[in-house]
Amino acid sequence: MQDSLEIARELGLELPSPAYLAGVVVFSLIGIAAWWYGKRRGRSRMRWLGLALMLYPYVVWQTWLLYVVGAGLSIAAWLDRP
């Protein structure tokens, strides 16, 4: 097992940190809730914010940036409530 991890690391493949994975889960769940709320209430901006929260971790690879963007989108979704 250790040899395969070393080979993967030499090829430039690394596993994300636990903090990154936790951020992905938390912000994706917030995104699902925002998208569902927006769909149920007919609020298109909330649906788009929820979709953005669910999908942006696929393009952000740095943990600190994941949390900054996720916090910003979550605050925007919070402020969009009636």
C-alpha atoms as a PDB file:
ATOM      1  CA  MET A   1       0.000   0.000   0.000  1.00  0.00           C
ATOM      2  CA  GLN A   2       2.769   2.415   0.914  1.00  0.00           C
ATOM      3  CA  ASP A   3       4.564   1.712  -2.369  1.00  0.00           C
ATOM      4  CA  SER A   4       1.490   2.562  -4.421  1.00  0.00           C
ATOM      5  CA  LEU A   5       1.063   5.860  -2.535  1.00  0.00           C
ATOM      6  CA  GLU A   6       4.693   6.739  -3.204  1.00  0.00           C
ATOM      7  CA  ILE A   7       4.317   5.898  -6.894  1.00  0.00           C
ATOM      8  CA  ALA A   8       1.181   8.042  -7.122  1.00  0.00           C
ATOM      9  CA  ARG A   9       2.957  10.917  -5.365  1.00  0.00           C
ATOM     10  CA  GLU A  10       5.870  10.659  -7.817  1.00  0.00           C
ATOM     11  CA  LEU A  11       3.376  10.912 -10.677  1.00  0.00           C
ATOM     12  CA  GLY A  12       1.977  14.106  -9.157  1.00  0.00           C
ATOM     13  CA  LEU A  13      -1.204  12.577  -7.770  1.00  0.00           C
ATOM     14  CA  GLU A  14      -2.002  13.374  -4.159  1.00  0.00           C
ATOM     15  CA  LEU A  15      -5.037  12.761  -2.011  1.00  0.00           C
ATOM     16  CA  PRO A  16      -6.848  15.847  -0.731  1.00  0.00           C
ATOM     17  CA  SER A  17      -6.478  16.733   2.929  1.00  0.00           C
ATOM     18  CA  PRO A  18      -9.236  15.896   5.432  1.00  0.00           C
ATOM     19  CA  ALA A  19      -9.929  19.635   5.822  1.00  0.00           C
ATOM     20  CA  TYR A  20     -10.536  19.905   2.067  1.00  0.00           C
ATOM     21  CA  LEU A  21     -12.867  16.903   2.045  1.00  0.00           C
ATOM     22  CA  ALA A  22     -14.802  18.252   5.032  1.00  0.00           C
ATOM     23  CA  GLY A  23     -15.202  21.599   3.254  1.00  0.00           C
ATOM     24  CA  VAL A  24     -16.478  19.899   0.109  1.00  0.00           C
ATOM     25  CA  VAL A  25     -19.091  17.973   2.086  1.00  0.00           C
ATOM     26  CA  VAL A  26     -20.226  20.961   4.161  1.00  0.00           C
ATOM     27  CA  PHE A  27     -20.524  23.423   1.280  1.00  0.00           C
ATOM     28  CA  SER A  28     -22.156  20.835  -0.994  1.00  0.00           C
ATOM     29  CA  LEU A  29     -24.806  20.158   1.660  1.00  0.00           C
ATOM     30  CA  ILE A  30     -25.405  23.896   2.031  1.00  0.00           C
ATOM     31  CA  GLY A  31     -25.691  24.068  -1.755  1.00  0.00           C
ATOM     32  CA  ILE A  32     -28.235  21.252  -1.886  1.00  0.00           C
ATOM     33  CA  ALA A  33     -30.317  22.967   0.792  1.00  0.00           C
ATOM     34  CA  ALA A  34     -30.113  26.339  -0.996  1.00  0.00           C
ATOM     35  CA  TRP A  35     -31.016  24.811  -4.354  1.00  0.00           C
ATOM     36  CA  TRP A  36     -33.977  22.969  -2.826  1.00  0.00           C
ATOM     37  CA  TYR A  37     -35.163  26.106  -1.014  1.00  0.00           C
ATOM     38  CA  GLY A  38     -34.862  28.163  -4.195  1.00  0.00           C
ATOM     39  CA  LYS A  39     -36.743  25.583  -6.227  1.00  0.00           C
ATOM     40  CA  ARG A  40     -39.507  25.303  -3.659  1.00  0.00           C
ATOM     41  CA  ARG A  41     -39.942  29.081  -3.289  1.00  0.00           C
ATOM     42  CA  GLY A  42     -39.445  29.900  -6.975  1.00  0.00           C
ATOM     43  CA  ARG A  43     -36.274  31.942  -6.332  1.00  0.00           C
ATOM     44  CA  SER A  44     -33.936  31.533  -9.278  1.00  0.00           C
ATOM     45  CA  ARG A  45     -30.997  33.406  -7.690  1.00  0.00           C
ATOM     46  CA  MET A  46     -31.074  31.044  -4.710  1.00  0.00           C
ATOM     47  CA  ARG A  47     -31.122  28.049  -7.058  1.00  0.00           C
ATOM     48  CA  TRP A  48     -28.077  29.383  -8.922  1.00  0.00           C
ATOM     49  CA  LEU A  49     -26.221  30.031  -5.668  1.00  0.00           C
ATOM     50  CA  GLY A  50     -27.029  26.501  -4.525  1.00  0.00           C
ATOM     51  CA  LEU A  51     -25.800  25.071  -7.817  1.00  0.00           C
ATOM     52  CA  ALA A  52     -22.603  27.118  -7.555  1.00  0.00           C
ATOM     53  CA  LEU A  53     -22.030  25.833  -4.006  1.00  0.00           C
ATOM     54  CA  MET A  54     -22.423  22.267  -5.199  1.00  0.00           C
ATOM     55  CA  LEU A  55     -20.147  22.553  -8.235  1.00  0.00           C
ATOM     56  CA  TYR A  56     -17.343  25.001  -7.424  1.00  0.00           C
ATOM     57  CA  PRO A  57     -15.231  22.435  -5.469  1.00  0.00           C
ATOM     58  CA  TYR A  58     -14.557  20.722  -8.791  1.00  0.00           C
ATOM     59  CA  VAL A  59     -12.499  23.697  -9.980  1.00  0.00           C
ATOM     60  CA  VAL A  60     -10.934  24.860  -6.677  1.00  0.00           C
ATOM     61  CA  TRP A  61      -8.003  22.739  -5.500  1.00  0.00           C
ATOM     62  CA  GLN A  62      -6.611  24.813  -2.655  1.00  0.00           C
ATOM     63  CA  THR A  63      -8.149  24.341   0.782  1.00  0.00           C
ATOM     64  CA  TRP A  64      -7.993  27.996   1.835  1.00  0.00           C
ATOM     65  CA  LEU A  65      -9.635  29.090  -1.428  1.00  0.00           C
ATOM     66  CA  LEU A  66     -12.335  26.439  -1.030  1.00  0.00           C
ATOM     67  CA  TYR A  67     -13.282  27.919   2.350  1.00  0.00           C
ATOM     68  CA  VAL A  68     -13.117  31.550   1.179  1.00  0.00           C
ATOM     69  CA  VAL A  69     -15.307  30.979  -1.891  1.00  0.00           C
ATOM     70  CA  GLY A  70     -17.670  28.690   0.033  1.00  0.00           C
ATOM     71  CA  ALA A  71     -18.105  31.216   2.811  1.00  0.00           C
ATOM     72  CA  GLY A  72     -18.771  33.976   0.282  1.00  0.00           C
ATOM     73  CA  LEU A  73     -21.366  31.959  -1.607  1.00  0.00           C
ATOM     74  CA  SER A  74     -22.990  30.819   1.649  1.00  0.00           C
ATOM     75  CA  ILE A  75     -23.241  34.412   2.880  1.00  0.00           C
ATOM     76  CA  ALA A  76     -24.735  35.448  -0.469  1.00  0.00           C
ATOM     77  CA  ALA A  77     -27.333  32.665  -0.169  1.00  0.00           C
ATOM     78  CA  TRP A  78     -28.079  33.699   3.432  1.00  0.00           C
ATOM     79  CA  LEU A  79     -28.590  37.340   2.419  1.00  0.00           C
ATOM     80  CA  ASP A  80     -30.839  36.318  -0.495  1.00  0.00           C
ATOM     81  CA  ARG A  81     -33.476  34.959   1.866  1.00  0.00           C
ATOM     82  CA  PRO A  82     -36.684  37.017   2.075  1.00  0.00           C
END
